[in-house]
PDB file of all heavy atoms in Angstrom:
ATOM      1  N   ALA A   1      -3.916   3.432  14.234  1.00  0.00           N
ATOM      2  CA  ALA A   1      -5.032   3.180  15.153  1.00  0.00           C
ATOM      3  C   ALA A   1      -4.678   3.561  16.586  1.00  0.00           C
ATOM      4  O   ALA A   1      -5.558   3.800  17.410  1.00  0.00           O
ATOM      5  CB  ALA A   1      -5.432   1.703  15.089  1.00  0.00           C
ATOM      6  N   THR A   2      -3.377   3.641  16.893  1.00  0.00           N
ATOM      7  CA  THR A   2      -2.934   4.028  18.243  1.00  0.00           C
ATOM      8  C   THR A   2      -2.486   5.485  18.268  1.00  0.00           C
ATOM      9  O   THR A   2      -1.739   5.897  19.153  1.00  0.00           O
ATOM     10  CB  THR A   2      -1.784   3.123  18.706  1.00  0.00           C
ATOM     11  OG1 THR A   2      -0.718   3.205  17.728  1.00  0.00           O
ATOM     12  CG2 THR A   2      -2.233   1.690  18.829  1.00  0.00           C
ATOM     13  N   GLY A   3      -2.953   6.274  17.280  1.00  0.00           N
ATOM     14  CA  GLY A   3      -2.547   7.681  17.180  1.00  0.00           C
ATOM     15  C   GLY A   3      -3.078   8.572  18.271  1.00  0.00           C
ATOM     16  O   GLY A   3      -2.670   9.729  18.388  1.00  0.00           O
ATOM     17  N   GLY A   4      -4.015   8.061  19.071  1.00  0.00           N
ATOM     18  CA  GLY A   4      -4.487   8.817  20.219  1.00  0.00           C
ATOM     19  C   GLY A   4      -5.534   9.866  19.884  1.00  0.00           C
ATOM     20  O   GLY A   4      -6.204   9.810  18.859  1.00  0.00           O
ATOM     21  N   GLU A   5      -5.647  10.837  20.786  1.00  0.00           N
ATOM     22  CA  GLU A   5      -6.670  11.873  20.691  1.00  0.00           C
ATOM     23  C   GLU A   5      -6.020  13.210  20.974  1.00  0.00           C
ATOM     24  O   GLU A   5      -5.097  13.302  21.774  1.00  0.00           O
ATOM     25  CB  GLU A   5      -7.786  11.618  21.720  1.00  0.00           C
ATOM     26  CG  GLU A   5      -8.848  12.706  21.748  1.00  0.00           C
ATOM     27  CD  GLU A   5      -9.846  12.490  22.872  1.00  0.00           C
ATOM     28  OE1 GLU A   5      -9.581  11.640  23.747  1.00  0.00           O
ATOM     29  OE2 GLU A   5     -10.871  13.185  22.889  1.00  0.00           O
ATOM     30  N   GLY A   6      -6.480  14.258  20.289  1.00  0.00           N
ATOM     31  CA  GLY A   6      -5.961  15.573  20.617  1.00  0.00           C
ATOM     32  C   GLY A   6      -5.720  16.417  19.393  1.00  0.00           C
ATOM     33  O   GLY A   6      -6.392  16.269  18.368  1.00  0.00           O
ATOM     34  N   LYS A   7      -4.720  17.310  19.491  1.00  0.00           N
ATOM     35  CA  LYS A   7      -4.434  18.246  18.413  1.00  0.00           C
ATOM     36  C   LYS A   7      -2.979  18.150  17.972  1.00  0.00           C
ATOM     37  O   LYS A   7      -2.418  19.110  17.454  1.00  0.00           O
ATOM     38  CB  LYS A   7      -4.761  19.677  18.860  1.00  0.00           C
ATOM     39  CG  LYS A   7      -6.250  19.928  19.077  1.00  0.00           C
ATOM     40  CD  LYS A   7      -6.541  21.397  19.346  1.00  0.00           C
ATOM     41  CE  LYS A   7      -8.043  21.623  19.445  1.00  0.00           C
ATOM     42  NZ  LYS A   7      -8.374  23.056  19.656  1.00  0.00           N
ATOM     43  N   HIS A   8      -2.354  16.994  18.208  1.00  0.00           N
ATOM     44  CA  HIS A   8      -0.952  16.853  17.790  1.00  0.00           C
ATOM     45  C   HIS A   8      -0.899  16.520  16.301  1.00  0.00           C
ATOM     46  O   HIS A   8      -0.613  15.417  15.875  1.00  0.00           O
ATOM     47  CB  HIS A   8      -0.211  15.803  18.629  1.00  0.00           C
ATOM     48  CG  HIS A   8      -0.998  14.581  18.968  1.00  0.00           C
ATOM     49  ND1 HIS A   8      -1.978  14.580  19.924  1.00  0.00           N
ATOM     50  CD2 HIS A   8      -0.953  13.322  18.480  1.00  0.00           C
ATOM     51  CE1 HIS A   8      -2.501  13.372  20.010  1.00  0.00           C
ATOM     52  NE2 HIS A   8      -1.896  12.589  19.153  1.00  0.00           N
ATOM     53  N   SER A   9      -1.251  17.550  15.515  1.00  0.00           N
ATOM     54  CA  SER A   9      -1.249  17.433  14.062  1.00  0.00           C
ATOM     55  C   SER A   9      -0.665  18.711  13.480  1.00  0.00           C
ATOM     56  O   SER A   9      -0.549  19.721  14.181  1.00  0.00           O
ATOM     57  CB  SER A   9      -2.669  17.203  13.531  1.00  0.00           C
ATOM     58  OG  SER A   9      -3.500  18.301  13.880  1.00  0.00           O
ATOM     59  N   SER A  10      -0.314  18.663  12.204  1.00  0.00           N
ATOM     60  CA  SER A  10       0.442  19.772  11.607  1.00  0.00           C
ATOM     61  C   SER A  10      -0.363  21.057  11.478  1.00  0.00           C
ATOM     62  O   SER A  10       0.213  22.137  11.348  1.00  0.00           O
ATOM     63  CB  SER A  10       0.988  19.347  10.240  1.00  0.00           C
ATOM     64  OG  SER A  10      -0.034  18.831   9.413  1.00  0.00           O
ATOM     65  N   CYS A  11      -1.702  20.974  11.508  1.00  0.00           N
ATOM     66  CA  CYS A  11      -2.532  22.184  11.499  1.00  0.00           C
ATOM     67  C   CYS A  11      -3.152  22.455  12.858  1.00  0.00           C
ATOM     68  O   CYS A  11      -3.870  23.447  13.033  1.00  0.00           O
ATOM     69  CB  CYS A  11      -3.675  22.069  10.488  1.00  0.00           C
ATOM     70  SG  CYS A  11      -3.196  21.705   8.805  1.00  0.00           S
ATOM     71  N   GLY A  12      -2.965  21.540  13.813  1.00  0.00           N
ATOM     72  CA  GLY A  12      -3.590  21.688  15.116  1.00  0.00           C
ATOM     73  C   GLY A  12      -5.046  21.263  15.149  1.00  0.00           C
ATOM     74  O   GLY A  12      -5.786  21.590  16.072  1.00  0.00           O
ATOM     75  N   THR A  13      -5.471  20.485  14.147  1.00  0.00           N
ATOM     76  CA  THR A  13      -6.862  20.031  14.080  1.00  0.00           C
ATOM     77  C   THR A  13      -7.107  18.899  15.090  1.00  0.00           C
ATOM     78  O   THR A  13      -6.279  18.006  15.238  1.00  0.00           O
ATOM     79  CB  THR A  13      -7.165  19.532  12.656  1.00  0.00           C
ATOM     80  OG1 THR A  13      -7.021  20.614  11.748  1.00  0.00           O
ATOM     81  CG2 THR A  13      -8.578  18.969  12.543  1.00  0.00           C
ATOM     82  N   TYR A  14      -8.271  18.937  15.710  1.00  0.00           N
ATOM     83  CA  TYR A  14      -8.660  17.870  16.647  1.00  0.00           C
ATOM     84  C   TYR A  14      -8.964  16.580  15.870  1.00  0.00           C
ATOM     85  O   TYR A  14      -9.571  16.601  14.792  1.00  0.00           O
ATOM     86  CB  TYR A  14      -9.892  18.256  17.456  1.00  0.00           C
ATOM     87  CG  TYR A  14     -10.422  17.104  18.292  1.00  0.00           C
ATOM     88  CD1 TYR A  14      -9.848  16.799  19.515  1.00  0.00           C
ATOM     89  CD2 TYR A  14     -11.448  16.299  17.808  1.00  0.00           C
ATOM     90  CE1 TYR A  14     -10.317  15.727  20.274  1.00  0.00           C
ATOM     91  CE2 TYR A  14     -11.923  15.219  18.557  1.00  0.00           C
ATOM     92  CZ  TYR A  14     -11.337  14.942  19.788  1.00  0.00           C
ATOM     93  OH  TYR A  14     -11.788  13.862  20.517  1.00  0.00           O
ATOM     94  N   PHE A  15      -8.573  15.435  16.438  1.00  0.00           N
ATOM     95  CA  PHE A  15      -8.961  14.125  15.914  1.00  0.00           C
ATOM     96  C   PHE A  15      -8.922  13.129  17.059  1.00  0.00           C
ATOM     97  O   PHE A  15      -8.310  13.389  18.105  1.00  0.00           O
ATOM     98  CB  PHE A  15      -8.013  13.681  14.776  1.00  0.00           C
ATOM     99  CG  PHE A  15      -6.625  13.336  15.260  1.00  0.00           C
ATOM    100  CD1 PHE A  15      -6.248  12.024  15.517  1.00  0.00           C
ATOM    101  CD2 PHE A  15      -5.685  14.344  15.488  1.00  0.00           C
ATOM    102  CE1 PHE A  15      -4.975  11.710  15.972  1.00  0.00           C
ATOM    103  CE2 PHE A  15      -4.405  14.050  15.950  1.00  0.00           C
ATOM    104  CZ  PHE A  15      -4.056  12.725  16.203  1.00  0.00           C
ATOM    105  N   ASN A  16      -9.551  11.983  16.855  1.00  0.00           N
ATOM    106  CA  ASN A  16      -9.511  10.911  17.838  1.00  0.00           C
ATOM    107  C   ASN A  16      -9.378   9.583  17.092  1.00  0.00           C
ATOM    108  O   ASN A  16     -10.363   9.071  16.549  1.00  0.00           O
ATOM    109  CB  ASN A  16     -10.771  10.920  18.706  1.00  0.00           C
ATOM    110  CG  ASN A  16     -10.674   9.941  19.878  1.00  0.00           C
ATOM    111  OD1 ASN A  16      -9.913   8.978  19.819  1.00  0.00           O
ATOM    112  ND2 ASN A  16     -11.444  10.189  20.926  1.00  0.00           N
ATOM    113  N   ALA A  17      -8.144   9.071  17.018  1.00  0.00           N
ATOM    114  CA  ALA A  17      -7.900   7.818  16.300  1.00  0.00           C
ATOM    115  C   ALA A  17      -8.577   6.648  17.003  1.00  0.00           C
ATOM    116  O   ALA A  17      -8.968   5.666  16.354  1.00  0.00           O
ATOM    117  CB  ALA A  17      -6.390   7.583  16.184  1.00  0.00           C
ATOM    118  N   ASN A  18      -8.737   6.731  18.335  1.00  0.00           N
ATOM    119  CA  ASN A  18      -9.328   5.627  19.098  1.00  0.00           C
ATOM    120  C   ASN A  18     -10.780   5.387  18.670  1.00  0.00           C
ATOM    121  O   ASN A  18     -11.247   4.242  18.609  1.00  0.00           O
ATOM    122  CB  ASN A  18      -9.285   5.933  20.592  1.00  0.00           C
ATOM    123  CG  ASN A  18      -7.872   6.233  21.068  1.00  0.00           C
ATOM    124  OD1 ASN A  18      -6.911   5.645  20.576  1.00  0.00           O
ATOM    125  ND2 ASN A  18      -7.736   7.158  22.011  1.00  0.00           N
ATOM    126  N   THR A  19     -11.493   6.478  18.369  1.00  0.00           N
ATOM    127  CA  THR A  19     -12.901   6.346  17.960  1.00  0.00           C
ATOM    128  C   THR A  19     -13.087   6.564  16.459  1.00  0.00           C
ATOM    129  O   THR A  19     -14.211   6.612  15.966  1.00  0.00           O
ATOM    130  CB  THR A  19     -13.767   7.370  18.714  1.00  0.00           C
ATOM    131  OG1 THR A  19     -13.306   8.691  18.425  1.00  0.00           O
ATOM    132  CG2 THR A  19     -13.715   7.132  20.221  1.00  0.00           C
ATOM    133  N   LYS A  20     -11.952   6.718  15.732  1.00  0.00           N
ATOM    134  CA  LYS A  20     -11.964   6.937  14.275  1.00  0.00           C
ATOM    135  C   LYS A  20     -12.748   8.209  13.921  1.00  0.00           C
ATOM    136  O   LYS A  20     -13.535   8.217  12.963  1.00  0.00           O
ATOM    137  CB  LYS A  20     -12.520   5.718  13.526  1.00  0.00           C
ATOM    138  CG  LYS A  20     -11.852   4.412  13.892  1.00  0.00           C
ATOM    139  CD  LYS A  20     -12.409   3.259  13.080  1.00  0.00           C
ATOM    140  CE  LYS A  20     -11.951   1.928  13.624  1.00  0.00           C
ATOM    141  NZ  LYS A  20     -12.543   1.592  14.932  1.00  0.00           N
ATOM    142  N   ASP A  21     -12.512   9.230  14.682  1.00  0.00           N
ATOM    143  CA  ASP A  21     -13.207  10.502  14.483  1.00  0.00           C
ATOM    144  C   ASP A  21     -12.242  11.537  13.914  1.00  0.00           C
ATOM    145  O   ASP A  21     -11.285  11.931  14.582  1.00  0.00           O
ATOM    146  CB  ASP A  21     -13.782  10.976  15.832  1.00  0.00           C
ATOM    147  CG  ASP A  21     -14.606  12.253  15.676  1.00  0.00           C
ATOM    148  OD1 ASP A  21     -15.124  12.501  14.568  1.00  0.00           O
ATOM    149  OD2 ASP A  21     -14.711  12.993  16.674  1.00  0.00           O
ATOM    150  N   PHE A  22     -12.480  11.947  12.676  1.00  0.00           N
ATOM    151  CA  PHE A  22     -11.636  12.946  12.013  1.00  0.00           C
ATOM    152  C   PHE A  22     -12.557  14.055  11.501  1.00  0.00           C
ATOM    153  O   PHE A  22     -12.928  14.108  10.328  1.00  0.00           O
ATOM    154  CB  PHE A  22     -10.859  12.304  10.861  1.00  0.00           C
ATOM    155  CG  PHE A  22      -9.912  11.224  11.306  1.00  0.00           C
ATOM    156  CD1 PHE A  22     -10.317   9.908  11.399  1.00  0.00           C
ATOM    157  CD2 PHE A  22      -8.610  11.549  11.679  1.00  0.00           C
ATOM    158  CE1 PHE A  22      -9.451   8.910  11.847  1.00  0.00           C
ATOM    159  CE2 PHE A  22      -7.734  10.557  12.128  1.00  0.00           C
ATOM    160  CZ  PHE A  22      -8.150   9.239  12.207  1.00  0.00           C
ATOM    161  N   PRO A  23     -12.989  14.957  12.413  1.00  0.00           N
ATOM    162  CA  PRO A  23     -14.061  15.908  12.094  1.00  0.00           C
ATOM    163  C   PRO A  23     -13.691  16.920  10.999  1.00  0.00           C
ATOM    164  O   PRO A  23     -14.600  17.496  10.399  1.00  0.00           O
ATOM    165  CB  PRO A  23     -14.307  16.613  13.437  1.00  0.00           C
ATOM    166  CG  PRO A  23     -13.069  16.386  14.232  1.00  0.00           C
ATOM    167  CD  PRO A  23     -12.538  15.068  13.811  1.00  0.00           C
ATOM    168  N   SER A  24     -12.427  17.119  10.729  1.00  0.00           N
ATOM    169  CA  SER A  24     -12.065  18.117   9.725  1.00  0.00           C
ATOM    170  C   SER A  24     -12.312  17.625   8.308  1.00  0.00           C
ATOM    171  O   SER A  24     -12.325  18.429   7.365  1.00  0.00           O
ATOM    172  CB  SER A  24     -10.601  18.541   9.892  1.00  0.00           C
ATOM    173  OG  SER A  24     -10.328  19.728   9.188  1.00  0.00           O
ATOM    174  N   VAL A  25     -12.516  16.284   8.120  1.00  0.00           N
ATOM    175  CA  VAL A  25     -12.800  15.813   6.750  1.00  0.00           C
ATOM    176  C   VAL A  25     -14.277  16.031   6.372  1.00  0.00           C
ATOM    177  O   VAL A  25     -14.525  16.676   5.328  1.00  0.00           O
ATOM    178  CB  VAL A  25     -12.357  14.341   6.581  1.00  0.00           C
ATOM    179  CG1 VAL A  25     -12.692  13.854   5.167  1.00  0.00           C
ATOM    180  CG2 VAL A  25     -10.871  14.169   6.871  1.00  0.00           C
ATOM    181  N   PRO A  26     -15.295  15.508   7.103  1.00  0.00           N
ATOM    182  CA  PRO A  26     -15.193  14.630   8.272  1.00  0.00           C
ATOM    183  C   PRO A  26     -15.290  13.141   7.894  1.00  0.00           C
ATOM    184  O   PRO A  26     -16.001  12.775   6.958  1.00  0.00           O
ATOM    185  CB  PRO A  26     -16.418  15.047   9.088  1.00  0.00           C
ATOM    186  CG  PRO A  26     -17.445  15.449   8.046  1.00  0.00           C
ATOM    187  CD  PRO A  26     -16.676  16.019   6.891  1.00  0.00           C
ATOM    188  N   TYR A  27     -14.553  12.322   8.674  1.00  0.00           N
ATOM    189  CA  TYR A  27     -14.705  10.862   8.646  1.00  0.00           C
ATOM    190  C   TYR A  27     -15.088  10.410  10.050  1.00  0.00           C
ATOM    191  O   TYR A  27     -14.621  10.977  11.048  1.00  0.00           O
ATOM    192  CB  TYR A  27     -13.402  10.170   8.267  1.00  0.00           C
ATOM    193  CG  TYR A  27     -12.997  10.256   6.811  1.00  0.00           C
ATOM    194  CD1 TYR A  27     -11.645  10.400   6.470  1.00  0.00           C
ATOM    195  CD2 TYR A  27     -13.920  10.150   5.788  1.00  0.00           C
ATOM    196  CE1 TYR A  27     -11.241  10.458   5.134  1.00  0.00           C
ATOM    197  CE2 TYR A  27     -13.531  10.216   4.454  1.00  0.00           C
ATOM    198  CZ  TYR A  27     -12.190  10.378   4.138  1.00  0.00           C
ATOM    199  OH  TYR A  27     -11.799  10.430   2.814  1.00  0.00           O
ATOM    200  N   SER A  28     -15.900   9.342  10.077  1.00  0.00           N
ATOM    201  CA  SER A  28     -16.274   8.720  11.353  1.00  0.00           C
ATOM    202  C   SER A  28     -16.008   7.223  11.244  1.00  0.00           C
ATOM    203  O   SER A  28     -15.519   6.740  10.222  1.00  0.00           O
ATOM    204  CB  SER A  28     -17.750   8.972  11.644  1.00  0.00           C
ATOM    205  OG  SER A  28     -18.556   8.216  10.742  1.00  0.00           O
ATOM    206  N   ALA A  29     -16.347   6.499  12.287  1.00  0.00           N
ATOM    207  CA  ALA A  29     -16.122   5.044  12.304  1.00  0.00           C
ATOM    208  C   ALA A  29     -16.799   4.332  11.142  1.00  0.00           C
ATOM    209  O   ALA A  29     -16.367   3.252  10.726  1.00  0.00           O
ATOM    210  CB  ALA A  29     -16.603   4.457  13.640  1.00  0.00           C
ATOM    211  N   TRP A  30     -17.857   4.961  10.566  1.00  0.00           N
ATOM    212  CA  TRP A  30     -18.563   4.339   9.444  1.00  0.00           C
ATOM    213  C   TRP A  30     -17.715   4.296   8.174  1.00  0.00           C
ATOM    214  O   TRP A  30     -18.024   3.558   7.247  1.00  0.00           O
ATOM    215  CB  TRP A  30     -19.839   5.158   9.140  1.00  0.00           C
ATOM    216  CG  TRP A  30     -20.874   5.099  10.220  1.00  0.00           C
ATOM    217  CD1 TRP A  30     -21.124   6.044  11.157  1.00  0.00           C
ATOM    218  CD2 TRP A  30     -21.777   4.030  10.473  1.00  0.00           C
ATOM    219  NE1 TRP A  30     -22.143   5.646  11.996  1.00  0.00           N
ATOM    220  CE2 TRP A  30     -22.574   4.406  11.601  1.00  0.00           C
ATOM    221  CE3 TRP A  30     -22.013   2.778   9.882  1.00  0.00           C
ATOM    222  CZ2 TRP A  30     -23.542   3.582  12.121  1.00  0.00           C
ATOM    223  CZ3 TRP A  30     -23.008   1.962  10.412  1.00  0.00           C
ATOM    224  CH2 TRP A  30     -23.762   2.359  11.511  1.00  0.00           C
ATOM    225  N   ASP A  31     -16.658   5.077   8.133  1.00  0.00           N
ATOM    226  CA  ASP A  31     -15.906   5.260   6.888  1.00  0.00           C
ATOM    227  C   ASP A  31     -14.645   4.409   6.801  1.00  0.00           C
ATOM    228  O   ASP A  31     -13.786   4.642   5.935  1.00  0.00           O
ATOM    229  CB  ASP A  31     -15.552   6.747   6.730  1.00  0.00           C
ATOM    230  CG  ASP A  31     -16.797   7.616   6.708  1.00  0.00           C
ATOM    231  OD1 ASP A  31     -17.741   7.258   5.977  1.00  0.00           O
ATOM    232  OD2 ASP A  31     -16.849   8.625   7.444  1.00  0.00           O
ATOM    233  N   PHE A  32     -14.533   3.420   7.698  1.00  0.00           N
ATOM    234  CA  PHE A  32     -13.336   2.583   7.716  1.00  0.00           C
ATOM    235  C   PHE A  32     -13.688   1.118   7.512  1.00  0.00           C
ATOM    236  O   PHE A  32     -14.834   0.715   7.668  1.00  0.00           O
ATOM    237  CB  PHE A  32     -12.572   2.797   9.027  1.00  0.00           C
ATOM    238  CG  PHE A  32     -12.011   4.190   9.145  1.00  0.00           C
ATOM    239  CD1 PHE A  32     -12.766   5.225   9.690  1.00  0.00           C
ATOM    240  CD2 PHE A  32     -10.737   4.475   8.676  1.00  0.00           C
ATOM    241  CE1 PHE A  32     -12.262   6.518   9.778  1.00  0.00           C
ATOM    242  CE2 PHE A  32     -10.224   5.775   8.750  1.00  0.00           C
ATOM    243  CZ  PHE A  32     -10.977   6.786   9.296  1.00  0.00           C
ATOM    244  N   ASN A  33     -12.694   0.343   7.169  1.00  0.00           N
ATOM    245  CA  ASN A  33     -12.892  -1.035   6.673  1.00  0.00           C
ATOM    246  C   ASN A  33     -12.921  -2.097   7.755  1.00  0.00           C
ATOM    247  O   ASN A  33     -12.953  -3.281   7.428  1.00  0.00           O
ATOM    248  CB  ASN A  33     -11.769  -1.406   5.692  1.00  0.00           C
ATOM    249  CG  ASN A  33     -12.203  -1.221   4.247  1.00  0.00           C
ATOM    250  OD1 ASN A  33     -13.389  -1.264   3.942  1.00  0.00           O
ATOM    251  ND2 ASN A  33     -11.242  -1.032   3.376  1.00  0.00           N
ATOM    252  N   ASP A  34     -12.910  -1.729   9.026  1.00  0.00           N
ATOM    253  CA  ASP A  34     -12.730  -2.724  10.076  1.00  0.00           C
ATOM    254  C   ASP A  34     -13.685  -3.914   9.953  1.00  0.00           C
ATOM    255  O   ASP A  34     -13.283  -5.057  10.172  1.00  0.00           O
ATOM    256  CB  ASP A  34     -12.929  -2.058  11.444  1.00  0.00           C
ATOM    257  CG  ASP A  34     -11.835  -1.041  11.730  1.00  0.00           C
ATOM    258  OD1 ASP A  34     -11.291  -0.490  10.756  1.00  0.00           O
ATOM    259  OD2 ASP A  34     -11.537  -0.803  12.904  1.00  0.00           O
ATOM    260  N   GLY A  35     -14.923  -3.646   9.575  1.00  0.00           N
ATOM    261  CA  GLY A  35     -15.901  -4.724   9.483  1.00  0.00           C
ATOM    262  C   GLY A  35     -15.606  -5.720   8.375  1.00  0.00           C
ATOM    263  O   GLY A  35     -16.056  -6.874   8.436  1.00  0.00           O
ATOM    264  N   LYS A  36     -14.856  -5.309   7.361  1.00  0.00           N
ATOM    265  CA  LYS A  36     -14.556  -6.199   6.248  1.00  0.00           C
ATOM    266  C   LYS A  36     -13.325  -7.061   6.489  1.00  0.00           C
ATOM    267  O   LYS A  36     -13.128  -8.071   5.831  1.00  0.00           O
ATOM    268  CB  LYS A  36     -14.322  -5.370   4.978  1.00  0.00           C
ATOM    269  CG  LYS A  36     -15.562  -4.697   4.428  1.00  0.00           C
ATOM    270  CD  LYS A  36     -15.255  -3.965   3.134  1.00  0.00           C
ATOM    271  CE  LYS A  36     -14.986  -4.933   1.997  1.00  0.00           C
ATOM    272  NZ  LYS A  36     -14.679  -4.225   0.733  1.00  0.00           N
ATOM    273  N   CYS A  37     -12.463  -6.636   7.409  1.00  0.00           N
ATOM    274  CA  CYS A  37     -11.212  -7.348   7.631  1.00  0.00           C
ATOM    275  C   CYS A  37     -11.443  -8.637   8.402  1.00  0.00           C
ATOM    276  O   CYS A  37     -12.142  -8.638   9.426  1.00  0.00           O
ATOM    277  CB  CYS A  37     -10.225  -6.455   8.379  1.00  0.00           C
ATOM    278  SG  CYS A  37      -8.652  -7.301   8.745  1.00  0.00           S
ATOM    279  N   SER A  38     -10.846  -9.723   7.938  1.00  0.00           N
ATOM    280  CA  SER A  38     -11.107 -11.035   8.523  1.00  0.00           C
ATOM    281  C   SER A  38     -10.058 -11.465   9.545  1.00  0.00           C
ATOM    282  O   SER A  38     -10.187 -12.534  10.140  1.00  0.00           O
ATOM    283  CB  SER A  38     -11.136 -12.084   7.399  1.00  0.00           C
ATOM    284  OG  SER A  38      -9.887 -12.112   6.717  1.00  0.00           O
ATOM    285  N   THR A  39      -9.009 -10.649   9.772  1.00  0.00           N
ATOM    286  CA  THR A  39      -7.952 -11.084  10.694  1.00  0.00           C
ATOM    287  C   THR A  39      -8.276 -10.706  12.124  1.00  0.00           C
ATOM    288  O   THR A  39      -8.999  -9.731  12.386  1.00  0.00           O
ATOM    289  CB  THR A  39      -6.591 -10.479  10.307  1.00  0.00           C
ATOM    290  OG1 THR A  39      -6.631  -9.065  10.530  1.00  0.00           O
ATOM    291  CG2 THR A  39      -6.237 -10.752   8.861  1.00  0.00           C
ATOM    292  N   GLY A  40      -7.730 -11.451  13.058  1.00  0.00           N
ATOM    293  CA  GLY A  40      -7.972 -11.185  14.475  1.00  0.00           C
ATOM    294  C   GLY A  40      -7.400  -9.852  14.921  1.00  0.00           C
ATOM    295  O   GLY A  40      -7.988  -9.141  15.740  1.00  0.00           O
ATOM    296  N   SER A  41      -6.268  -9.478  14.350  1.00  0.00           N
ATOM    297  CA  SER A  41      -5.579  -8.244  14.758  1.00  0.00           C
ATOM    298  C   SER A  41      -6.144  -7.002  14.073  1.00  0.00           C
ATOM    299  O   SER A  41      -5.930  -5.882  14.526  1.00  0.00           O
ATOM    300  CB  SER A  41      -4.095  -8.338  14.438  1.00  0.00           C
ATOM    301  OG  SER A  41      -3.899  -8.412  13.028  1.00  0.00           O
TER     302      SER A  41
END
């Protein structure tokens, strides 16, 4: 989750871990489990 934003990946693909944006798949914030997790962290 703290992976940051940019192209520091093995193919040079853009992503933004802060906003859960992985356009090369694509995945967005809708595709993650945050809403189901019950812990504070």
